């Protein structure tokens, strides 16, 4: 992937999925192409949560193709409804998500073991003396 002319775009697909992707391709005439080469596709999902009388919408990022061993996909343009530019904040969040995913991927086993052990050691801390709820709703 050529890092000089990378575009980060929001894609709306015909199946309803929303993706944020990186690409070297020019999207201005994407419908004239058969495929668009995309990198690091991240699916964006909206979650509506009620908070009193208000409804709030949260967004989550997750890998589009879970457990894939590749970051590059040739996307058929026939499956794309719309391509739009992202707000600067969304671009920064996408880049941070990708950076974190790469750091986790390259974490060595010793480092991963230390993190898991520290989580095990601290599990349940801070719950002494606090009353637990009688009913847990998931």
N, C-alpha and C. Protein backbone atom coordinates (compact mmCIF):
# COMPACT_ATOMS: atom_id res chain seq x y z
N UNK A 1 0.85 -1.17 0.00
CA UNK A 1 0.00 0.00 0.00
C UNK A 1 0.90 1.24 0.00
N UNK A 2 0.66 2.13 -0.93
CA UNK A 2 1.40 3.38 -1.02
C UNK A 2 0.83 4.35 0.00
N UNK A 3 1.64 4.74 0.97
CA UNK A 3 1.15 5.58 2.07
C UNK A 3 1.03 7.06 1.69
N UNK A 4 1.51 7.45 0.51
CA UNK A 4 1.48 8.85 0.11
C UNK A 4 0.09 9.34 -0.28
N UNK A 5 -0.66 8.54 -1.00
CA UNK A 5 -1.96 8.99 -1.47
C UNK A 5 -3.11 8.11 -0.96
N UNK A 6 -3.08 7.82 0.33
CA UNK A 6 -4.13 7.01 0.94
C UNK A 6 -5.37 7.86 1.17
N UNK A 7 -6.50 7.30 0.78
CA UNK A 7 -7.78 7.92 1.10
C UNK A 7 -8.47 7.05 2.13
N UNK A 8 -9.08 7.68 3.12
CA UNK A 8 -9.89 6.95 4.10
C UNK A 8 -11.33 7.35 3.85
N UNK A 9 -12.16 6.34 3.57
CA UNK A 9 -13.53 6.60 3.15
C UNK A 9 -14.52 5.76 3.97
N UNK A 10 -15.75 6.27 3.99
CA UNK A 10 -16.88 5.56 4.58
C UNK A 10 -17.66 4.97 3.42
N UNK A 11 -17.87 3.65 3.44
CA UNK A 11 -18.61 2.96 2.38
C UNK A 11 -19.93 2.43 2.94
N UNK A 12 -20.99 2.64 2.20
CA UNK A 12 -22.28 2.03 2.53
C UNK A 12 -22.50 0.94 1.47
N UNK A 13 -22.68 -0.29 1.93
CA UNK A 13 -22.82 -1.42 1.01
C UNK A 13 -24.29 -1.76 0.77
N UNK A 14 -24.54 -2.49 -0.31
CA UNK A 14 -25.93 -2.82 -0.66
C UNK A 14 -26.58 -3.74 0.37
N UNK A 15 -25.78 -4.47 1.14
CA UNK A 15 -26.35 -5.36 2.17
C UNK A 15 -26.61 -4.62 3.49
N UNK A 16 -26.38 -3.30 3.52
CA UNK A 16 -26.64 -2.51 4.71
C UNK A 16 -25.43 -2.26 5.59
N UNK A 17 -24.34 -2.96 5.35
CA UNK A 17 -23.15 -2.77 6.17
C UNK A 17 -22.51 -1.41 5.90
N UNK A 18 -21.88 -0.88 6.94
CA UNK A 18 -21.13 0.38 6.84
C UNK A 18 -19.68 0.08 7.16
N UNK A 19 -18.77 0.51 6.29
CA UNK A 19 -17.35 0.25 6.46
C UNK A 19 -16.56 1.54 6.42
N UNK A 20 -15.46 1.56 7.15
CA UNK A 20 -14.43 2.58 6.99
C UNK A 20 -13.22 1.84 6.46
N UNK A 21 -12.64 2.37 5.38
CA UNK A 21 -11.54 1.67 4.70
C UNK A 21 -10.45 2.66 4.31
N UNK A 22 -9.26 2.11 4.08
CA UNK A 22 -8.15 2.86 3.49
C UNK A 22 -7.99 2.34 2.07
N UNK A 23 -7.58 3.24 1.15
CA UNK A 23 -7.38 2.81 -0.23
C UNK A 23 -6.46 3.77 -0.96
N UNK A 24 -5.76 3.23 -1.95
CA UNK A 24 -4.97 4.06 -2.86
C UNK A 24 -5.78 4.42 -4.10
N UNK A 25 -6.92 3.77 -4.28
CA UNK A 25 -7.75 4.02 -5.46
C UNK A 25 -8.47 5.36 -5.37
N UNK A 26 -8.79 5.89 -6.54
CA UNK A 26 -9.55 7.12 -6.64
C UNK A 26 -11.04 6.76 -6.64
N UNK A 27 -11.78 7.26 -5.67
CA UNK A 27 -13.19 6.92 -5.55
C UNK A 27 -14.11 7.83 -6.36
N UNK A 28 -13.56 8.86 -7.00
CA UNK A 28 -14.42 9.80 -7.72
C UNK A 28 -15.17 9.13 -8.86
N UNK A 29 -14.60 8.09 -9.43
CA UNK A 29 -15.28 7.38 -10.52
C UNK A 29 -15.33 5.86 -10.23
N UNK A 30 -15.58 5.52 -8.97
CA UNK A 30 -15.50 4.10 -8.59
C UNK A 30 -16.49 3.22 -9.34
N UNK A 31 -17.62 3.76 -9.76
CA UNK A 31 -18.62 2.95 -10.46
C UNK A 31 -18.15 2.55 -11.87
N UNK A 32 -17.13 3.22 -12.40
CA UNK A 32 -16.57 2.86 -13.71
C UNK A 32 -15.54 1.75 -13.59
N UNK A 33 -15.24 1.34 -12.37
CA UNK A 33 -14.27 0.26 -12.13
C UNK A 33 -15.02 -0.99 -11.71
N UNK A 34 -14.41 -2.13 -11.93
CA UNK A 34 -15.02 -3.39 -11.50
C UNK A 34 -14.73 -3.66 -10.02
N UNK A 35 -13.52 -3.32 -9.57
CA UNK A 35 -13.10 -3.54 -8.19
C UNK A 35 -12.39 -2.30 -7.66
N UNK A 36 -12.45 -2.13 -6.36
CA UNK A 36 -11.68 -1.12 -5.64
C UNK A 36 -10.84 -1.88 -4.62
N UNK A 37 -9.56 -1.59 -4.58
CA UNK A 37 -8.67 -2.24 -3.61
C UNK A 37 -8.76 -1.47 -2.30
N UNK A 38 -9.17 -2.16 -1.23
CA UNK A 38 -9.29 -1.53 0.08
C UNK A 38 -8.38 -2.23 1.07
N UNK A 39 -7.98 -1.47 2.11
CA UNK A 39 -7.12 -2.00 3.16
C UNK A 39 -7.77 -1.73 4.51
N UNK A 40 -7.50 -2.58 5.45
CA UNK A 40 -7.95 -2.41 6.83
C UNK A 40 -9.44 -2.06 6.93
N UNK A 41 -10.31 -2.88 6.34
CA UNK A 41 -11.75 -2.57 6.42
C UNK A 41 -12.28 -2.80 7.83
N UNK A 42 -12.95 -1.79 8.35
CA UNK A 42 -13.53 -1.84 9.69
C UNK A 42 -15.03 -1.62 9.55
N UNK A 43 -15.81 -2.50 10.16
CA UNK A 43 -17.26 -2.36 10.13
C UNK A 43 -17.70 -1.42 11.25
N UNK A 44 -18.62 -0.54 10.92
CA UNK A 44 -19.18 0.39 11.89
C UNK A 44 -20.61 -0.06 12.18
N UNK A 45 -20.91 -0.26 13.43
CA UNK A 45 -22.27 -0.66 13.84
C UNK A 45 -22.84 0.37 14.81
N UNK A 46 -24.09 0.71 14.59
CA UNK A 46 -24.77 1.66 15.48
C UNK A 46 -25.56 0.88 16.52
N UNK A 47 -25.52 1.38 17.75
CA UNK A 47 -26.29 0.77 18.84
C UNK A 47 -27.10 1.88 19.49
N UNK A 48 -28.42 1.69 19.57
CA UNK A 48 -29.28 2.68 20.22
C UNK A 48 -29.52 2.24 21.66
N UNK A 49 -29.34 3.19 22.59
CA UNK A 49 -29.47 2.93 24.01
C UNK A 49 -30.40 3.99 24.59
N UNK A 50 -31.38 3.53 25.36
CA UNK A 50 -32.25 4.50 26.01
C UNK A 50 -31.63 4.92 27.34
N UNK A 51 -31.71 6.20 27.60
CA UNK A 51 -31.19 6.77 28.84
C UNK A 51 -32.27 7.72 29.34
N UNK A 52 -33.13 7.20 30.21
CA UNK A 52 -34.28 7.99 30.64
C UNK A 52 -35.24 8.16 29.48
N UNK A 53 -35.52 9.42 29.14
CA UNK A 53 -36.41 9.70 28.02
C UNK A 53 -35.65 9.94 26.72
N UNK A 54 -34.35 9.83 26.77
CA UNK A 54 -33.53 10.09 25.60
C UNK A 54 -33.08 8.78 24.97
N UNK A 55 -32.89 8.83 23.68
CA UNK A 55 -32.30 7.70 22.97
C UNK A 55 -30.94 8.17 22.45
N UNK A 56 -29.91 7.46 22.87
CA UNK A 56 -28.55 7.80 22.45
C UNK A 56 -28.08 6.74 21.47
N UNK A 57 -27.27 7.16 20.53
CA UNK A 57 -26.73 6.23 19.55
C UNK A 57 -25.23 6.18 19.71
N UNK A 58 -24.71 4.97 19.88
CA UNK A 58 -23.28 4.73 20.01
C UNK A 58 -22.82 3.95 18.79
N UNK A 59 -21.56 4.10 18.46
CA UNK A 59 -21.00 3.38 17.32
C UNK A 59 -19.85 2.51 17.78
N UNK A 60 -19.77 1.32 17.21
CA UNK A 60 -18.66 0.42 17.53
C UNK A 60 -17.88 0.13 16.26
N UNK A 61 -16.60 -0.11 16.43
CA UNK A 61 -15.73 -0.51 15.32
C UNK A 61 -15.30 -1.94 15.58
N UNK A 62 -15.31 -2.73 14.52
CA UNK A 62 -14.82 -4.09 14.61
C UNK A 62 -14.33 -4.55 13.25
N UNK A 63 -13.43 -5.53 13.23
CA UNK A 63 -12.94 -6.01 11.94
C UNK A 63 -14.12 -6.45 11.06
N UNK A 64 -14.06 -6.10 9.80
CA UNK A 64 -15.15 -6.46 8.88
C UNK A 64 -15.16 -7.97 8.64
N UNK A 65 -14.00 -8.52 8.36
CA UNK A 65 -13.89 -9.97 8.16
C UNK A 65 -13.08 -10.50 9.34
N UNK A 66 -13.81 -11.02 10.31
CA UNK A 66 -13.18 -11.46 11.54
C UNK A 66 -12.24 -12.64 11.29
N UNK A 67 -11.14 -12.64 11.98
CA UNK A 67 -10.11 -13.68 11.94
C UNK A 67 -9.45 -13.82 10.57
N UNK A 68 -9.54 -12.79 9.74
CA UNK A 68 -8.87 -12.81 8.44
C UNK A 68 -7.37 -12.64 8.64
N UNK A 69 -6.61 -13.25 7.78
CA UNK A 69 -5.16 -13.16 7.86
C UNK A 69 -4.61 -12.11 6.89
N UNK A 70 -5.48 -11.36 6.27
CA UNK A 70 -5.06 -10.34 5.32
C UNK A 70 -5.74 -9.01 5.64
N UNK A 71 -5.09 -7.93 5.25
CA UNK A 71 -5.69 -6.61 5.48
C UNK A 71 -6.17 -6.01 4.16
N UNK A 72 -5.91 -6.67 3.03
CA UNK A 72 -6.25 -6.14 1.71
C UNK A 72 -7.39 -6.94 1.11
N UNK A 73 -8.37 -6.23 0.53
CA UNK A 73 -9.53 -6.88 -0.10
C UNK A 73 -9.83 -6.16 -1.40
N UNK A 74 -10.14 -6.91 -2.45
CA UNK A 74 -10.62 -6.31 -3.69
C UNK A 74 -12.14 -6.30 -3.62
N UNK A 75 -12.71 -5.12 -3.40
CA UNK A 75 -14.15 -4.96 -3.20
C UNK A 75 -14.83 -4.73 -4.56
N UNK A 76 -15.81 -5.57 -4.90
CA UNK A 76 -16.56 -5.31 -6.14
C UNK A 76 -17.35 -4.00 -6.00
N UNK A 77 -17.20 -3.11 -6.95
CA UNK A 77 -17.88 -1.82 -6.87
C UNK A 77 -19.39 -1.97 -6.98
N UNK A 78 -19.86 -3.08 -7.52
CA UNK A 78 -21.30 -3.30 -7.64
C UNK A 78 -21.96 -3.47 -6.27
N UNK A 79 -21.16 -3.74 -5.23
CA UNK A 79 -21.73 -3.92 -3.89
C UNK A 79 -21.69 -2.63 -3.06
N UNK A 80 -21.23 -1.54 -3.66
CA UNK A 80 -21.12 -0.26 -2.95
C UNK A 80 -22.25 0.67 -3.39
N UNK A 81 -23.02 1.17 -2.43
CA UNK A 81 -24.08 2.15 -2.72
C UNK A 81 -23.50 3.55 -2.74
N UNK A 82 -22.73 3.89 -1.70
CA UNK A 82 -22.23 5.26 -1.56
C UNK A 82 -20.84 5.27 -0.95
N UNK A 83 -20.07 6.29 -1.31
CA UNK A 83 -18.75 6.53 -0.75
C UNK A 83 -18.72 7.99 -0.31
N UNK A 84 -18.36 8.22 0.96
CA UNK A 84 -18.30 9.59 1.47
C UNK A 84 -17.02 9.80 2.26
N UNK A 85 -16.63 11.07 2.35
CA UNK A 85 -15.49 11.45 3.19
C UNK A 85 -15.92 11.41 4.65
N UNK A 86 -14.97 11.19 5.52
CA UNK A 86 -15.24 11.14 6.95
C UNK A 86 -14.87 12.45 7.62
N UNK A 87 -15.53 12.71 8.73
CA UNK A 87 -15.17 13.83 9.59
C UNK A 87 -13.78 13.55 10.15
N UNK A 88 -13.00 14.60 10.41
CA UNK A 88 -11.62 14.45 10.90
C UNK A 88 -11.53 13.60 12.16
N UNK A 89 -12.49 13.77 13.09
CA UNK A 89 -12.49 12.98 14.32
C UNK A 89 -12.64 11.49 14.03
N UNK A 90 -13.49 11.16 13.07
CA UNK A 90 -13.71 9.76 12.71
C UNK A 90 -12.46 9.16 12.07
N UNK A 91 -11.76 9.96 11.27
CA UNK A 91 -10.50 9.49 10.66
C UNK A 91 -9.48 9.19 11.75
N UNK A 92 -9.37 10.07 12.74
CA UNK A 92 -8.43 9.84 13.85
C UNK A 92 -8.78 8.59 14.64
N UNK A 93 -10.07 8.37 14.90
CA UNK A 93 -10.50 7.17 15.63
C UNK A 93 -10.19 5.91 14.83
N UNK A 94 -10.42 5.96 13.52
CA UNK A 94 -10.11 4.82 12.65
C UNK A 94 -8.62 4.50 12.69
N UNK A 95 -7.79 5.53 12.54
CA UNK A 95 -6.33 5.32 12.57
C UNK A 95 -5.88 4.75 13.91
N UNK A 96 -6.46 5.25 14.99
CA UNK A 96 -6.11 4.74 16.32
C UNK A 96 -6.52 3.28 16.46
N UNK A 97 -7.70 2.94 15.95
CA UNK A 97 -8.18 1.56 16.01
C UNK A 97 -7.24 0.64 15.24
N UNK A 98 -6.85 1.05 14.04
CA UNK A 98 -5.95 0.23 13.22
C UNK A 98 -4.60 0.10 13.91
N UNK A 99 -4.07 1.20 14.46
CA UNK A 99 -2.78 1.17 15.16
C UNK A 99 -2.83 0.20 16.33
N UNK A 100 -3.90 0.26 17.13
CA UNK A 100 -4.05 -0.64 18.28
C UNK A 100 -4.15 -2.09 17.83
N UNK A 101 -4.86 -2.33 16.74
CA UNK A 101 -5.00 -3.70 16.24
C UNK A 101 -3.65 -4.26 15.81
N UNK A 102 -2.83 -3.45 15.18
CA UNK A 102 -1.50 -3.89 14.74
C UNK A 102 -0.62 -4.15 15.95
N UNK A 103 -0.67 -3.27 16.97
CA UNK A 103 0.13 -3.48 18.17
C UNK A 103 -0.24 -4.77 18.87
N UNK A 104 -1.51 -5.08 18.95
CA UNK A 104 -1.95 -6.32 19.59
C UNK A 104 -1.48 -7.52 18.78
N UNK A 105 -1.56 -7.41 17.45
CA UNK A 105 -1.17 -8.51 16.58
C UNK A 105 0.31 -8.86 16.75
N UNK A 106 1.15 -7.84 16.97
CA UNK A 106 2.58 -8.08 17.06
C UNK A 106 3.08 -8.21 18.50
N UNK A 107 2.18 -8.32 19.46
CA UNK A 107 2.56 -8.47 20.85
C UNK A 107 3.19 -9.86 21.03
N UNK A 108 4.33 -9.91 21.70
CA UNK A 108 4.96 -11.21 21.90
C UNK A 108 4.25 -11.96 23.03
N UNK A 109 4.49 -13.26 23.11
CA UNK A 109 3.78 -14.12 24.06
C UNK A 109 4.08 -13.76 25.51
N UNK A 110 5.32 -13.36 25.81
CA UNK A 110 5.67 -12.97 27.19
C UNK A 110 4.87 -11.74 27.63
N UNK A 111 4.78 -10.75 26.74
CA UNK A 111 4.03 -9.53 27.06
C UNK A 111 2.55 -9.84 27.26
N UNK A 112 2.01 -10.69 26.39
CA UNK A 112 0.60 -11.09 26.51
C UNK A 112 0.36 -11.83 27.83
N UNK A 113 1.30 -12.71 28.20
CA UNK A 113 1.18 -13.46 29.45
C UNK A 113 1.18 -12.53 30.66
N UNK A 114 2.06 -11.51 30.65
CA UNK A 114 2.12 -10.55 31.76
C UNK A 114 0.81 -9.78 31.89
N UNK A 115 0.25 -9.36 30.77
CA UNK A 115 -1.01 -8.61 30.80
C UNK A 115 -2.13 -9.47 31.36
N UNK A 116 -2.21 -10.72 30.90
CA UNK A 116 -3.25 -11.62 31.37
C UNK A 116 -3.09 -11.91 32.86
N UNK A 117 -1.84 -12.10 33.32
CA UNK A 117 -1.61 -12.36 34.74
C UNK A 117 -1.99 -11.15 35.59
N UNK A 118 -1.66 -9.95 35.12
CA UNK A 118 -2.01 -8.75 35.90
C UNK A 118 -3.53 -8.58 35.96
N UNK A 119 -4.23 -8.94 34.88
CA UNK A 119 -5.69 -8.87 34.91
C UNK A 119 -6.24 -9.91 35.89
N UNK A 120 -5.64 -11.11 35.91
CA UNK A 120 -6.09 -12.15 36.84
C UNK A 120 -5.87 -11.72 38.29
N UNK A 121 -4.70 -11.10 38.56
CA UNK A 121 -4.39 -10.66 39.93
C UNK A 121 -5.33 -9.58 40.42
N UNK A 122 -5.76 -8.70 39.53
CA UNK A 122 -6.60 -7.58 39.95
C UNK A 122 -8.09 -7.86 39.80
N UNK A 123 -8.46 -9.03 39.33
CA UNK A 123 -9.88 -9.35 39.14
C UNK A 123 -10.60 -9.33 40.48
N UNK A 124 -11.67 -8.59 40.56
CA UNK A 124 -12.49 -8.54 41.75
C UNK A 124 -12.04 -7.52 42.78
N UNK A 125 -10.94 -6.81 42.50
CA UNK A 125 -10.48 -5.79 43.45
C UNK A 125 -11.47 -4.65 43.52
N UNK A 126 -11.59 -4.10 44.70
CA UNK A 126 -12.47 -2.95 44.87
C UNK A 126 -13.91 -3.33 45.15
N UNK A 127 -14.19 -4.63 45.31
CA UNK A 127 -15.58 -5.04 45.56
C UNK A 127 -15.84 -5.35 47.02
N UNK A 128 -14.76 -5.37 47.86
CA UNK A 128 -14.95 -5.67 49.28
C UNK A 128 -15.76 -4.55 49.92
N UNK A 129 -16.72 -4.92 50.74
CA UNK A 129 -17.50 -3.95 51.47
C UNK A 129 -18.59 -3.27 50.65
N UNK A 130 -18.69 -3.63 49.39
CA UNK A 130 -19.76 -3.03 48.58
C UNK A 130 -20.87 -4.05 48.43
N UNK A 131 -22.08 -3.57 48.45
CA UNK A 131 -23.22 -4.46 48.34
C UNK A 131 -23.43 -4.83 46.88
N UNK A 132 -23.60 -6.08 46.63
CA UNK A 132 -23.83 -6.54 45.27
C UNK A 132 -25.31 -6.45 44.94
N UNK A 133 -25.64 -6.21 43.71
CA UNK A 133 -27.05 -6.12 43.34
C UNK A 133 -27.73 -7.49 43.52
N UNK A 134 -28.99 -7.45 43.89
CA UNK A 134 -29.72 -8.69 44.09
C UNK A 134 -30.15 -9.31 42.76
N UNK A 135 -30.30 -8.48 41.76
CA UNK A 135 -30.73 -8.97 40.46
C UNK A 135 -29.85 -8.34 39.38
N UNK A 136 -29.27 -9.17 38.56
CA UNK A 136 -28.43 -8.69 37.47
C UNK A 136 -29.19 -8.87 36.19
N UNK A 137 -29.30 -7.79 35.43
CA UNK A 137 -30.00 -7.82 34.15
C UNK A 137 -28.99 -7.65 33.05
N UNK A 138 -29.02 -8.55 32.08
CA UNK A 138 -28.09 -8.47 30.94
C UNK A 138 -28.83 -8.06 29.72
